[in-house]
Protein backbone atom coordinates (compact mmCIF):
# COMPACT_ATOMS: atom_id res chain seq x y z
CA MET A 1 43.84 31.53 4.50
CA THR A 2 46.60 32.89 7.28
CA ALA A 3 48.97 30.50 8.96
CA ALA A 4 49.42 30.82 12.78
CA ALA A 5 45.96 31.32 13.42
CA PRO A 6 43.85 28.83 15.70
CA ASP A 7 40.80 26.98 14.45
CA ILE A 8 37.33 29.06 14.71
CA ALA A 9 34.96 26.42 15.84
CA ALA A 10 31.43 27.61 16.03
CA SER A 11 29.99 28.67 18.58
CA SER A 12 26.37 29.26 20.05
CA GLU A 13 28.52 31.94 22.44
CA PRO A 14 28.27 35.31 21.35
CA PHE A 15 31.90 36.79 20.04
CA VAL A 16 30.78 39.79 21.85
CA ARG A 17 28.61 41.16 24.71
CA LEU A 18 27.36 44.60 25.42
CA THR A 19 25.63 45.03 28.53
CA GLY A 20 24.76 48.90 29.54
CA VAL A 21 27.58 49.87 28.21
CA THR A 22 28.32 53.52 28.97
CA LYS A 23 30.87 56.20 27.44
CA ARG A 24 31.43 60.07 28.24
CA PHE A 25 34.29 62.45 27.29
CA GLY A 26 33.58 65.46 29.10
CA ALA A 27 30.54 66.71 27.04
CA PRO A 28 27.26 66.56 29.03
CA ALA A 29 25.80 63.79 26.87
CA PRO A 30 27.17 60.21 26.48
CA ALA A 31 29.45 59.47 23.60
CA LEU A 32 27.97 55.94 23.99
CA ASP A 33 24.15 55.88 26.23
CA ALA A 34 23.39 52.67 27.94
CA ILE A 35 24.25 50.11 24.93
CA HIS A 36 23.45 46.52 25.02
CA GLY A 37 23.34 43.10 22.55
CA SER A 38 25.15 40.99 21.34
CA ILE A 39 27.52 40.00 17.80
CA ALA A 40 27.58 36.61 16.53
CA GLY A 41 30.50 34.67 14.75
CA GLY A 42 30.42 34.11 11.28
CA ARG A 43 28.57 37.07 10.06
CA ILE A 44 28.99 40.19 9.21
CA THR A 45 27.18 42.61 12.23
CA GLY A 46 26.87 46.72 11.10
CA LEU A 47 27.84 49.01 13.26
CA VAL A 48 25.85 51.99 11.52
CA GLY A 49 25.22 55.50 11.93
CA PRO A 50 26.49 59.04 10.74
CA ASP A 51 29.50 60.48 11.83
CA GLY A 52 29.32 61.26 16.05
CA ALA A 53 27.15 58.48 16.50
CA GLY A 54 29.18 56.43 18.75
CA LYS A 55 30.87 53.77 16.08
CA THR A 56 34.28 54.55 16.69
CA THR A 57 33.82 54.61 20.54
CA LEU A 58 32.41 51.13 20.49
CA ILE A 59 34.92 49.56 18.45
CA ARG A 60 37.68 50.45 20.83
CA LEU A 61 35.41 49.64 23.45
CA MET A 62 35.72 46.37 22.21
CA THR A 63 39.96 46.23 21.54
CA GLY A 64 40.36 47.03 25.50
CA LEU A 65 41.88 50.17 24.07
CA MET A 66 39.27 52.13 26.11
CA LEU A 67 37.46 50.87 29.20
CA PRO A 68 33.41 51.86 29.60
CA GLU A 69 32.58 54.01 32.21
CA ALA A 70 29.92 51.94 33.31
CA GLY A 71 28.92 48.70 32.35
CA THR A 72 30.63 45.88 30.65
CA VAL A 73 32.13 44.75 27.29
CA GLN A 74 32.94 41.20 27.00
CA VAL A 75 34.62 40.00 23.81
CA LEU A 76 35.20 36.02 23.65
CA GLY A 77 34.43 35.62 27.02
CA TYR A 78 37.23 38.01 28.40
CA ASP A 79 36.20 41.45 29.62
CA THR A 80 38.16 44.18 28.32
CA ARG A 81 38.92 45.14 32.46
CA THR A 82 40.67 42.52 33.14
CA ASP A 83 42.24 40.78 30.36
CA PRO A 84 42.41 42.83 27.36
CA ALA A 85 45.68 40.87 26.65
CA SER A 86 43.62 37.95 25.38
CA ILE A 87 41.25 39.92 23.47
CA GLN A 88 44.40 41.65 21.68
CA ALA A 89 45.94 38.67 21.12
CA ALA A 90 42.62 37.21 19.38
CA ILE A 91 41.51 40.21 17.27
CA GLY A 92 42.57 41.95 14.11
CA TYR A 93 41.59 45.55 14.27
CA MET A 94 41.95 48.21 11.37
CA PRO A 95 40.98 51.86 12.86
CA GLN A 96 39.36 54.68 10.58
CA ARG A 97 42.72 56.11 9.55
CA PHE A 98 45.29 53.08 9.50
CA GLY A 99 48.13 53.66 9.84
CA LEU A 100 50.44 52.81 7.13
CA TYR A 101 53.57 53.63 6.92
CA GLU A 102 53.18 55.52 3.16
CA ASP A 103 56.98 56.18 2.56
CA LEU A 104 57.28 51.83 2.70
CA SER A 105 56.74 49.70 0.19
CA VAL A 106 53.44 47.35 0.44
CA GLN A 107 55.73 44.61 0.92
CA GLU A 108 57.61 46.22 3.95
CA ASN A 109 54.59 47.47 5.80
CA LEU A 110 53.73 43.38 5.82
CA ASP A 111 57.17 42.84 6.84
CA LEU A 112 56.72 45.60 9.51
CA TYR A 113 53.66 44.43 10.88
CA ALA A 114 54.41 41.04 11.14
CA ASP A 115 57.14 41.87 13.42
CA LEU A 116 54.54 43.76 15.39
CA ARG A 117 52.25 40.82 15.48
CA GLY A 118 54.86 38.24 16.09
CA LEU A 119 54.51 36.06 12.67
CA PRO A 120 57.12 33.14 13.05
CA ASN A 121 59.61 33.89 10.11
CA ASP A 122 59.05 30.15 8.66
CA ALA A 123 55.42 31.30 8.25
CA ARG A 124 55.89 34.11 6.41
CA THR A 125 56.39 33.58 3.05
CA THR A 126 52.64 31.31 2.81
CA THR A 127 51.14 34.05 4.53
CA PHE A 128 52.00 37.04 2.63
CA GLY A 129 51.46 34.98 -0.47
CA GLU A 130 47.76 34.38 0.68
CA LEU A 131 47.30 37.67 2.09
CA LEU A 132 48.48 39.27 -1.11
CA GLU A 133 46.51 37.24 -3.74
CA PHE A 134 43.39 37.56 -1.71
CA THR A 135 44.03 41.72 -2.05
CA ASP A 136 45.01 41.47 -5.09
CA LEU A 137 47.77 42.98 -4.00
CA LYS A 138 50.37 40.81 -5.40
CA ARG A 139 51.44 43.31 -8.64
CA PHE A 140 51.96 46.19 -6.11
CA THR A 141 54.62 44.51 -3.82
CA ALA A 142 56.96 47.03 -4.31
CA ARG A 143 54.58 50.44 -4.93
CA LEU A 144 55.13 53.21 -1.86
CA ALA A 145 51.59 52.86 0.08
CA GLY A 146 51.51 56.34 -0.37
CA LYS A 147 51.53 55.73 -3.99
CA LEU A 148 48.43 53.47 -3.70
CA SER A 149 44.57 54.27 -4.13
CA GLY A 150 42.41 55.06 -1.74
CA GLY A 151 40.56 51.51 -2.23
CA MET A 152 44.19 49.78 -2.11
CA LYS A 153 45.48 51.68 0.75
CA GLN A 154 42.32 49.78 2.77
CA LYS A 155 43.05 46.25 1.04
CA LEU A 156 46.46 46.61 2.25
CA GLY A 157 45.17 48.01 5.95
CA LEU A 158 42.95 44.91 6.01
CA ALA A 159 46.01 42.38 4.97
CA CYS A 160 47.63 43.56 7.85
CA ALA A 161 45.25 42.98 10.53
CA LEU A 162 44.56 39.77 8.99
CA LEU A 163 48.74 38.74 9.05
CA ARG A 164 47.27 36.32 12.22
CA LYS A 165 43.93 35.23 11.71
CA PRO A 166 41.77 36.74 14.02
CA ARG A 167 38.70 35.16 15.96
CA LEU A 168 37.04 38.26 15.34
CA LEU A 169 38.09 41.01 12.98
CA LEU A 170 36.86 44.91 13.58
CA LEU A 171 36.96 47.21 10.76
CA ASP A 172 36.07 50.95 11.18
CA GLU A 173 34.72 52.53 8.06
CA PRO A 174 36.84 50.86 5.16
CA GLY A 175 34.42 52.10 3.00
CA VAL A 176 34.77 55.63 3.40
CA GLY A 177 36.38 57.27 0.75
CA VAL A 178 36.62 54.20 -1.32
CA ASP A 179 34.85 54.23 -5.09
CA PRO A 180 31.66 50.84 -5.57
CA ILE A 181 33.93 48.73 -7.09
CA SER A 182 36.74 48.43 -4.28
CA ARG A 183 34.10 48.79 -2.02
CA ARG A 184 32.50 45.63 -3.55
CA ASP A 185 35.56 43.83 -3.66
CA LEU A 186 36.56 44.22 0.45
CA TRP A 187 32.62 43.28 0.94
CA LYS A 188 33.61 40.07 -0.73
CA MET A 189 36.58 39.23 0.95
CA VAL A 190 34.95 39.87 3.98
CA GLU A 191 32.14 37.63 3.12
CA LYS A 192 34.87 34.96 2.77
CA LEU A 193 35.81 35.23 6.17
CA THR A 194 32.71 34.86 7.87
CA ALA A 195 32.56 31.61 5.79
CA GLU A 196 35.49 30.14 7.71
CA GLY A 197 33.49 31.08 11.18
CA VAL A 198 34.93 34.91 11.25
CA GLY A 199 33.03 37.13 13.14
CA VAL A 200 33.30 40.61 11.56
CA VAL A 201 32.17 44.16 12.74
CA TRP A 202 31.74 46.61 10.11
CA SER A 203 31.49 50.43 10.63
CA THR A 204 29.74 52.40 8.12
CA ALA A 205 28.70 55.51 7.67
CA TYR A 206 26.85 54.24 3.98
CA LEU A 207 23.08 53.09 4.65
CA GLU A 208 23.37 50.77 1.81
CA GLU A 209 26.04 49.24 3.15
CA ALA A 210 24.07 47.81 6.20
CA GLU A 211 21.43 45.94 3.77
CA ALA A 212 24.46 44.25 3.05
CA CYS A 213 25.26 43.00 6.81
CA ASP A 214 23.55 39.90 8.37
CA HIS A 215 22.58 42.18 11.43
CA VAL A 216 22.99 45.32 12.30
CA PHE A 217 23.47 48.49 15.25
CA LEU A 218 21.97 51.26 13.96
CA LEU A 219 23.39 54.54 16.18
CA ASN A 220 22.85 57.84 16.53
CA GLN A 221 24.32 60.40 18.72
CA GLY A 222 24.92 58.16 21.13
CA LYS A 223 22.02 55.87 21.22
CA LEU A 224 21.14 52.57 20.03
CA LEU A 225 18.13 52.69 17.77
CA PHE A 226 17.72 49.43 16.62
CA ALA A 227 19.32 46.28 16.50
CA GLY A 228 18.57 43.23 14.13
CA ALA A 229 18.38 41.89 11.14
CA PRO A 230 18.43 45.19 8.05
CA GLN A 231 15.37 43.80 6.65
CA GLU A 232 13.20 44.32 10.14
CA MET A 233 14.30 47.52 9.49
CA THR A 234 13.62 47.98 5.86
CA SER A 235 9.88 46.64 6.27
CA ARG A 236 8.71 49.17 8.56
CA VAL A 237 8.72 51.30 5.58
CA ALA A 238 7.06 48.72 3.27
CA GLU A 239 4.22 49.97 0.90
CA ARG A 240 5.01 53.43 1.84
CA VAL A 241 7.83 53.94 -0.70
CA PHE A 242 7.00 55.21 -3.84
CA ARG A 243 8.71 56.37 -7.64
CA VAL A 244 7.08 59.22 -9.02
CA SER A 245 7.41 59.22 -13.01
CA GLY A 246 6.17 61.19 -15.67
CA ILE A 247 7.38 64.46 -14.47
CA GLU A 248 7.30 67.48 -16.89
CA GLY A 249 9.34 69.98 -16.05
CA ARG A 250 12.24 70.55 -13.45
CA ARG A 251 11.94 67.81 -11.44
CA ARG A 252 13.78 69.92 -8.82
CA GLU A 253 11.25 72.47 -8.08
CA LYS A 254 8.69 69.23 -8.43
CA LEU A 255 10.61 68.11 -5.50
CA ALA A 256 10.93 70.77 -3.56
CA ARG A 257 6.79 71.23 -3.59
CA LEU A 258 6.60 67.66 -2.87
CA LEU A 259 8.61 68.19 0.01
CA ASP A 260 6.69 70.81 2.11
CA ASP A 261 3.45 68.36 1.74
CA GLU A 262 2.51 67.10 5.23
CA GLY A 263 2.07 63.67 3.90
CA VAL A 264 5.72 63.50 2.56
CA VAL A 265 8.10 61.54 4.97
CA ASP A 266 11.38 62.09 2.77
CA GLY A 267 12.50 62.91 -0.64
CA VAL A 268 15.35 62.59 -3.02
CA ILE A 269 15.60 62.73 -6.98
CA GLN A 270 16.33 59.46 -8.65
CA GLY A 271 17.73 60.11 -12.35
CA GLU A 272 14.30 61.69 -14.12
CA ALA A 273 12.36 59.90 -11.45
CA ILE A 274 11.37 61.26 -7.52
CA ARG A 275 10.94 58.73 -4.64
CA LEU A 276 9.17 59.49 -1.79
CA VAL A 277 8.38 58.24 1.47
CA MET A 278 4.76 58.54 2.37
CA LYS A 279 3.41 58.82 5.92
CA ALA A 280 1.49 55.47 6.46
CA GLY A 281 -1.79 55.29 4.28
CA LEU A 282 -1.07 58.04 2.20
CA GLU A 283 -0.17 58.52 -1.49
CA PRO A 284 2.14 60.79 -3.49
CA PRO A 285 -0.12 64.16 -3.99
CA PRO A 286 -0.80 65.47 -7.22
CA LEU A 287 1.20 68.66 -8.50
CA ALA A 288 -0.14 71.73 -9.70
CA GLY A 289 1.07 72.17 -12.84
CA ASN A 290 -0.58 74.90 -16.21
CA GLY A 291 -3.16 75.61 -13.50
CA ALA A 292 -4.23 72.57 -13.08
CA ALA A 293 -3.71 69.69 -11.09
CA THR A 294 -0.96 66.89 -13.00
CA ALA A 295 -1.30 63.22 -12.63
CA LEU A 296 1.35 61.74 -12.02
CA ARG A 297 2.66 57.83 -12.03
CA ALA A 298 3.31 56.62 -8.91
CA ASP A 299 4.70 53.39 -8.14
CA ILE A 300 5.53 51.36 -4.93
CA THR A 301 9.21 50.46 -4.84
CA PRO A 302 11.14 48.72 -2.71
CA PRO A 303 12.31 50.16 0.88
CA ARG A 304 15.56 50.93 1.61
CA PHE A 305 17.25 51.37 4.99
CA GLU A 306 18.08 54.74 4.19
CA ASP A 307 14.61 55.36 3.95
CA ALA A 308 13.36 53.84 7.21
CA PHE A 309 16.37 55.33 9.34
CA VAL A 310 14.90 59.15 8.04
CA ASP A 311 11.30 57.72 8.74
CA MET A 312 12.64 56.58 12.01
CA LEU A 313 14.08 60.79 12.58
CA GLY A 314 10.68 62.29 11.95
CA GLY A 315 11.70 62.84 8.32
CA GLY A 316 13.61 65.10 6.25
CA PRO A 317 13.91 69.00 6.28
CA GLY A 318 11.86 70.04 3.63
CA GLY A 319 12.04 71.67 0.39
CA ARG A 320 12.69 75.19 1.00
CA SER A 321 16.23 76.27 1.07
CA ARG A 322 16.91 80.02 2.39
CA LEU A 323 20.15 80.29 1.21
CA ALA A 324 18.54 79.58 -2.83
CA GLU A 325 16.52 82.41 -1.61
CA THR A 326 18.57 85.12 -0.90
CA GLN A 327 20.83 83.82 -4.00
CA ARG A 328 20.93 86.23 -7.33
CA THR A 329 19.42 84.69 -10.17
CA PHE A 330 21.47 84.02 -13.23
CA ALA A 331 19.56 83.99 -16.61
CA ALA A 332 20.72 81.49 -19.03
CA ASP A 333 22.46 82.65 -21.91
CA ALA A 334 21.09 80.31 -24.80
CA GLY A 335 23.51 77.95 -26.23
CA LYS A 336 26.58 78.84 -24.24
CA ALA A 337 28.35 76.56 -21.58
CA VAL A 338 28.78 77.49 -18.17
CA ILE A 339 32.22 75.25 -17.78
CA GLU A 340 33.24 73.79 -21.18
CA ALA A 341 36.23 71.06 -21.11
CA ARG A 342 38.23 70.64 -24.47
CA GLY A 343 39.92 67.95 -24.76
CA LEU A 344 41.84 68.27 -21.13
CA THR A 345 45.05 66.31 -20.59
CA LYS A 346 47.16 66.25 -17.52
CA ARG A 347 50.93 64.19 -17.80
CA PHE A 348 53.30 63.65 -14.76
CA GLY A 349 55.87 62.59 -16.38
CA ASP A 350 55.26 59.12 -18.03
CA PHE A 351 52.17 59.17 -16.26
CA THR A 352 48.82 60.18 -17.90
CA ALA A 353 46.46 61.01 -14.80
CA ALA A 354 43.68 62.43 -17.26
CA GLU A 355 43.92 62.05 -21.14
CA ASN A 356 41.57 63.84 -23.96
CA ILE A 357 38.29 64.84 -21.46
CA THR A 358 35.92 66.43 -23.00
CA PHE A 359 32.42 68.25 -22.16
CA ASP A 360 30.40 71.08 -21.46
CA ILE A 361 27.77 72.30 -18.73
CA PRO A 362 25.15 74.64 -19.70
CA ARG A 363 23.97 77.03 -16.77
CA GLY A 364 21.87 75.57 -14.15
CA GLN A 365 23.16 72.23 -14.28
CA ILE A 366 24.56 69.37 -12.09
CA PHE A 367 27.42 67.35 -14.07
CA GLY A 368 28.91 64.24 -11.60
CA LEU A 369 32.42 63.15 -12.23
CA LEU A 370 32.54 59.52 -11.10
CA GLY A 371 35.06 57.11 -11.56
CA PRO A 372 36.99 54.28 -9.35
CA ASN A 373 40.09 55.45 -7.00
CA GLY A 374 42.70 56.94 -9.14
CA ALA A 375 40.77 57.36 -12.17
CA GLY A 376 41.54 60.96 -12.81
CA LYS A 377 38.53 62.52 -11.95
CA SER A 378 39.93 64.73 -8.63
CA THR A 379 42.48 65.80 -11.44
CA THR A 380 40.07 66.85 -13.57
CA PHE A 381 38.19 68.12 -11.53
CA LYS A 382 41.47 70.41 -10.24
CA MET A 383 42.33 71.62 -13.54
CA LEU A 384 38.66 72.98 -13.80
CA CYS A 385 38.57 74.39 -10.79
CA GLY A 386 42.12 76.29 -11.58
CA LEU A 387 43.86 74.45 -8.95
CA LEU A 388 45.95 72.61 -12.00
CA LYS A 389 47.16 73.54 -14.79
CA PRO A 390 46.64 71.13 -17.99
CA THR A 391 49.40 69.49 -19.97
CA ALA A 392 47.48 69.59 -23.09
CA GLY A 393 43.52 71.09 -24.05
CA GLU A 394 41.29 73.96 -22.80
CA GLY A 395 39.23 74.64 -19.82
CA ARG A 396 37.29 77.58 -19.19
CA VAL A 397 34.68 78.36 -16.66
CA ALA A 398 31.94 81.41 -17.03
CA GLY A 399 33.62 82.39 -19.98
CA PHE A 400 37.35 82.71 -19.00
CA ASP A 401 40.30 80.73 -20.61
CA LEU A 402 41.68 78.38 -17.44
CA ARG A 403 45.10 78.94 -19.06
CA ARG A 404 45.65 82.49 -19.20
CA ASP A 405 42.84 83.73 -16.83
CA ALA A 406 42.59 81.56 -13.66
CA ALA A 407 42.21 84.27 -11.38
CA GLU A 408 39.13 85.73 -12.67
CA ALA A 409 38.00 82.39 -13.87
CA ARG A 410 38.34 81.31 -9.56
CA ASN A 411 36.57 85.29 -9.13
CA ARG A 412 33.63 83.32 -10.13
CA LEU A 413 33.16 79.90 -8.56
CA GLY A 414 33.00 78.69 -5.13
CA TYR A 415 34.97 76.10 -4.21
CA MET A 416 34.31 72.91 -1.54
CA ALA A 417 36.88 70.77 -1.14
CA GLN A 418 36.83 66.81 -0.62
CA LYS A 419 38.93 67.14 2.65
CA PHE A 420 37.73 70.27 5.12
CA SER A 421 39.66 72.96 3.34
CA LEU A 422 38.95 75.57 6.16
CA TYR A 423 41.46 76.93 8.80
CA GLY A 424 40.47 74.66 11.99
CA ASP A 425 42.12 77.10 14.29
CA LEU A 426 39.55 80.60 13.45
CA SER A 427 36.57 80.37 14.57
CA VAL A 428 33.05 79.90 12.45
CA THR A 429 32.72 83.71 12.50
CA GLN A 430 36.58 84.20 11.97
CA ASN A 431 36.91 81.97 8.89
CA LEU A 432 33.52 83.74 7.45
CA ASN A 433 35.35 87.05 7.22
CA PHE A 434 38.61 85.06 6.24
CA PHE A 435 36.79 83.67 2.87
CA ALA A 436 34.84 86.96 2.41
CA GLY A 437 37.89 88.76 2.02
CA ILE A 438 38.82 86.43 0.35
CA TYR A 439 36.40 87.25 -2.35
CA GLY A 440 36.68 90.41 -1.99
CA LEU A 441 33.65 91.02 -0.09
CA SER A 442 33.82 94.50 1.53
CA GLY A 443 32.22 97.29 4.02
CA THR A 444 28.04 96.70 3.99
CA LYS A 445 27.82 94.11 1.63
CA ARG A 446 30.47 91.65 3.66
CA ARG A 447 28.76 92.48 6.78
CA GLU A 448 25.22 91.53 5.25
CA ARG A 449 26.32 88.50 3.30
CA ILE A 450 28.00 86.86 6.79
CA ALA A 451 25.04 87.66 8.88
CA LEU A 452 23.15 86.04 6.32
CA MET A 453 25.26 83.08 6.53
CA THR A 454 25.23 82.98 10.07
CA GLU A 455 21.78 83.03 10.55
CA ILE A 456 20.65 80.47 7.40
CA PHE A 457 22.84 78.11 8.75
CA ASP A 458 22.28 78.58 12.20
CA PHE A 459 25.99 79.29 13.18
CA ARG A 460 25.02 81.78 16.49
CA PRO A 461 25.30 78.71 19.08
CA THR A 462 28.72 77.84 17.82
CA GLN A 463 30.24 81.08 16.44
CA ASP A 464 33.15 81.48 18.73
CA MET A 465 33.99 77.83 18.34
CA SER A 466 37.61 76.78 16.23
CA ALA A 467 36.27 75.11 12.84
CA LYS A 468 38.28 72.11 13.83
CA ASP A 469 36.15 71.34 16.64
CA LEU A 470 32.90 71.33 15.16
CA PRO A 471 31.00 68.00 14.08
CA LEU A 472 31.08 66.81 10.88
CA GLY A 473 27.92 68.45 9.83
CA LEU A 474 28.63 71.57 11.06
CA LYS A 475 32.15 71.93 9.25
CA GLN A 476 30.49 70.98 5.80
CA ARG A 477 27.79 73.39 6.43
CA LEU A 478 30.27 76.55 7.30
CA ALA A 479 32.29 74.71 4.04
CA LEU A 480 29.28 75.54 2.05
CA ALA A 481 28.42 79.03 3.37
CA CYS A 482 32.65 80.03 2.81
CA ALA A 483 31.46 78.60 -1.00
CA VAL A 484 28.45 80.52 -1.67
CA LEU A 485 29.81 83.91 0.19
CA HIS A 486 29.93 85.81 -2.88
CA GLU A 487 27.32 84.44 -4.84
CA PRO A 488 28.90 82.34 -7.26
CA GLU A 489 27.41 81.35 -10.52
CA VAL A 490 30.04 78.39 -10.14
CA LEU A 491 30.18 75.66 -7.73
CA PHE A 492 33.12 73.12 -7.58
CA LEU A 493 31.54 70.14 -4.95
CA ASP A 494 34.59 67.45 -4.04
CA GLU A 495 32.89 65.00 -2.26
CA PRO A 496 30.96 67.37 -0.33
CA THR A 497 28.91 65.13 2.02
CA SER A 498 31.09 62.23 3.10
CA GLY A 499 30.70 60.62 6.60
CA VAL A 500 27.57 62.95 7.00
CA ASP A 501 24.14 62.24 8.34
CA PRO A 502 21.31 61.49 6.35
CA ILE A 503 19.36 64.50 7.25
CA THR A 504 22.47 66.46 7.09
CA ARG A 505 22.92 65.04 3.22
CA ARG A 506 19.51 66.46 2.82
CA GLU A 507 19.67 69.46 3.67
CA PHE A 508 23.04 69.96 1.68
CA TRP A 509 21.43 68.45 -1.44
CA THR A 510 18.13 71.15 -0.79
CA HIS A 511 20.14 74.09 -0.99
CA ILE A 512 22.20 72.80 -4.20
CA ASN A 513 18.41 71.69 -5.79
CA GLY A 514 17.79 75.63 -5.31
CA LEU A 515 20.84 77.51 -5.83
CA VAL A 516 20.43 75.25 -9.53
CA GLU A 517 17.12 76.72 -9.88
CA LYS A 518 18.82 79.92 -9.71
CA GLY A 519 20.93 79.68 -12.05
CA VAL A 520 24.23 78.31 -11.03
CA THR A 521 25.84 75.45 -12.35
CA VAL A 522 27.45 72.84 -10.52
CA LEU A 523 30.23 70.25 -10.53
CA VAL A 524 30.10 67.72 -8.12
CA THR A 525 32.65 64.47 -7.68
CA THR A 526 31.04 61.85 -5.37
CA HIS A 527 31.18 58.05 -4.04
CA PHE A 528 27.75 58.03 -3.46
CA MET A 529 25.78 56.56 -6.15
CA ASP A 530 22.09 58.09 -5.00
CA GLU A 531 24.11 61.35 -5.05
CA ALA A 532 24.68 60.88 -8.63
CA GLU A 533 21.07 60.59 -9.94
CA TYR A 534 20.91 64.41 -8.50
CA CYS A 535 23.44 65.49 -11.58
CA ASP A 536 21.53 65.96 -15.13
CA ARG A 537 24.67 64.62 -16.60
CA ILE A 538 27.55 62.20 -15.75
CA SER A 539 31.02 61.75 -17.24
CA LEU A 540 32.21 58.01 -15.60
CA ILE A 541 36.13 58.71 -15.79
CA TYR A 542 38.63 55.21 -15.98
CA ARG A 543 42.20 54.90 -15.71
CA GLY A 544 42.57 58.84 -16.91
CA ARG A 545 40.20 58.74 -20.23
CA SER A 546 35.93 59.30 -20.33
CA ILE A 547 33.88 56.01 -20.79
CA ALA A 548 30.79 56.77 -20.35
CA LEU A 549 28.89 60.30 -20.80
CA GLY A 550 24.98 60.88 -20.63
CA SER A 551 21.79 60.87 -17.79
CA PRO A 552 21.75 58.98 -14.88
CA ASP A 553 18.80 56.98 -16.41
CA GLU A 554 20.58 56.88 -19.88
CA MET A 555 23.65 55.58 -17.66
CA LYS A 556 21.19 52.42 -16.41
CA ALA A 557 20.23 52.01 -19.80
CA ARG A 558 22.88 51.08 -21.44
CA VAL A 559 23.64 48.59 -18.95
CA ALA A 560 19.94 47.02 -18.24
CA ASN A 561 19.58 43.27 -19.31
CA LYS A 562 16.96 40.32 -19.06
CA ASP A 563 19.32 39.17 -16.20
CA LEU A 564 19.39 43.07 -14.52
CA PRO A 565 16.14 44.67 -15.69
CA ASP A 566 16.28 47.74 -13.49
CA PRO A 567 19.84 48.47 -12.64
CA THR A 568 20.54 50.98 -10.00
CA MET A 569 23.48 53.74 -10.43
CA GLU A 570 25.92 51.06 -8.55
CA ASP A 571 25.24 48.75 -10.94
CA ALA A 572 26.07 50.79 -14.01
CA PHE A 573 29.01 51.89 -12.63
CA ILE A 574 30.62 48.35 -11.84
CA ALA A 575 28.81 47.28 -15.44
CA LEU A 576 30.52 50.01 -17.22
CA ILE A 577 34.27 50.00 -16.26
CA GLN A 578 34.26 45.92 -16.76
CA ASP A 579 32.86 46.30 -20.35
CA SER A 580 35.39 49.40 -20.63
CA GLU A 581 37.98 46.93 -19.17
CA ALA A 582 36.82 43.68 -21.31
CA LYS A 583 36.75 46.62 -24.70
CA GLU A 584 40.53 46.84 -23.64
CA ALA A 585 41.97 43.42 -23.25
CA ALA A 586 40.13 42.18 -26.68
C-alpha cells in the first residue's frame, strides 16, 4: 500500500516480548507492575482498560521513547534499552494526541511527515495517492487539519503513521471521541494492514472495541488482569447475563432496586429492558409491584466483554444515589415541555451547521443527541444551553426563551462540558466555591451544598489537590458535583463519561437515573451507544438535520430485518445514516 517498505514476512516469533515490565513515576503505586506477555504480527492486539490503567505508558515503552524501571521490552528482536533507533525505524506510532499541525492542510501535513520520515521524493506521489485513497481523504487535501472532524483527524494521523509501512503499528486510543461510523472505518483500515502481516497494537478504553481484537491485554491500575482472546474473557460470565423485559412503570426505579439485590453483579438499562449480570447459579429476582411480586421475563443473552470486566472487578456500585436522595423534587407539569427546540438553525457564513432541528423534552426524561463528528449535534446542544445564538428558530429551557432570557435559563440548568471545563489551577474545594458563587449560592446554603458534595463524592482526601492533577474519574465527579450544586431542574451533559472506567460510568449513571426520578430533565450527547440506551428518546443528527427521532427501541426496530433481526444501537446508528445518504443520492 505504501512505498519504500520492507517485506513483512510471516513469523512465529513474537513482534513484542514483555518480561517483568515495571514503570513508576514517583508515586507509590507503579504505573505498570511486572507485566509479562507477547504480541504477534498479523493480528490486532488490544491494550484495554480505563484511563490511568497504564496503556499509554506501555505503548511508549514499546517505542523506546521511555525505558522500564525493571524488566525488559523487546520489539522486533531489538531491546529498547540498547537499540531504540532500530525499533523506531521499523514501527509506526500514532500517539493519543496526535501532533497534527492544525494550521496546515491535509497535504501539507503529509509533506511535513514525509520529510520527517525520510520518504524519498520519487516515492511520494504513489505513496500519498495510496494513503489518501486508503483513508478516503483524497477530497480534502486542501482542507486545514484544524477544520477536520474528529474522525477525519484520526484518519490523517493514521496516514502520517503509515508513510513508511511499519512492521508494527502502535495506535494509542485512536477511537476516543470518534463516532461509530468513523471508528468502524478505522477498524476496516487496520484489518487490511493485519492481512498484510503488520502487527497492530490498538489501545482503547472502549470495552466493546476489545471484542473486535484478536488478542487482548486487560489492564487496570497498572496490573495485567487478563491476557488472551476476548472470547475467553466473555465466556467467564456465559449463562449469567440476562435481558429482563416486561417491565411496567419507570425502568430506572426498577433498575435501582435490582442493583441492591445481593445476587445482582451488574445492571444497565437497555432500551425498554434491563440487562443484568447475576452471580453464578442465580436468576434475576422478581420485582414487587402493586403489593405483589411481578413476574418478569428474563432471557439469557450473549455476554459482552464489559460484563466480564465488571464481574472481575467485583461488580458495579449498586443502585443507591446519595446525590439524588438529597435533590429537591420537580413536579411534572402535564403536557408541558421543559426543553423545546422549534426549527433551530445555525449558519456560519454560507455553512449551515444545524437546520430546522425540532423536538421537545418533558420533565423527568433523558433525551440524547447522537450523530457523527461534525454532524451538528454539538451546535444544537450549545444553542439549547444558551452558549450559541441561533440564526433562526426558537429554543426554550424551563419556560425561558433562549434569545431573550438566556441568563435566566442558564440559572435553571447545570452544564457538564465535553472537555473538562473546571479550573485546573484551582483546588477541588476552590472549584466548588467558585461554581457555587456563579450559581448564586451564599451563606449557610452555600456551605451546606459544598459540604454535601464533598461527602457524597468523597472529595475530602483530595480537596486541596489542583483539579488538573486529579485522575480522570475524580475530574468527572467534580464536574458533575459543580453542575448540580444549585439543584438545577435541567442538566446538559456533553460526552460526560468519555475515557472513564466502567465502574465510574455506572456510578455516574446511577446518579443521573436517580436525579431523573426526582423530575430533573437531561439532555446528553454521547458516542457510547450503550449509554444511548439510557435515553427515553433520541434525535439522530446528520449533516445538520435530524434524520430520526424516537426511543432506542424504535430506532433499532426501524433497521431490523431478516439478516439483522436483533440490531444493536450501533447497528441502528450506522444503518440510519447510510439510509439517509442513499436517499440524498437518489
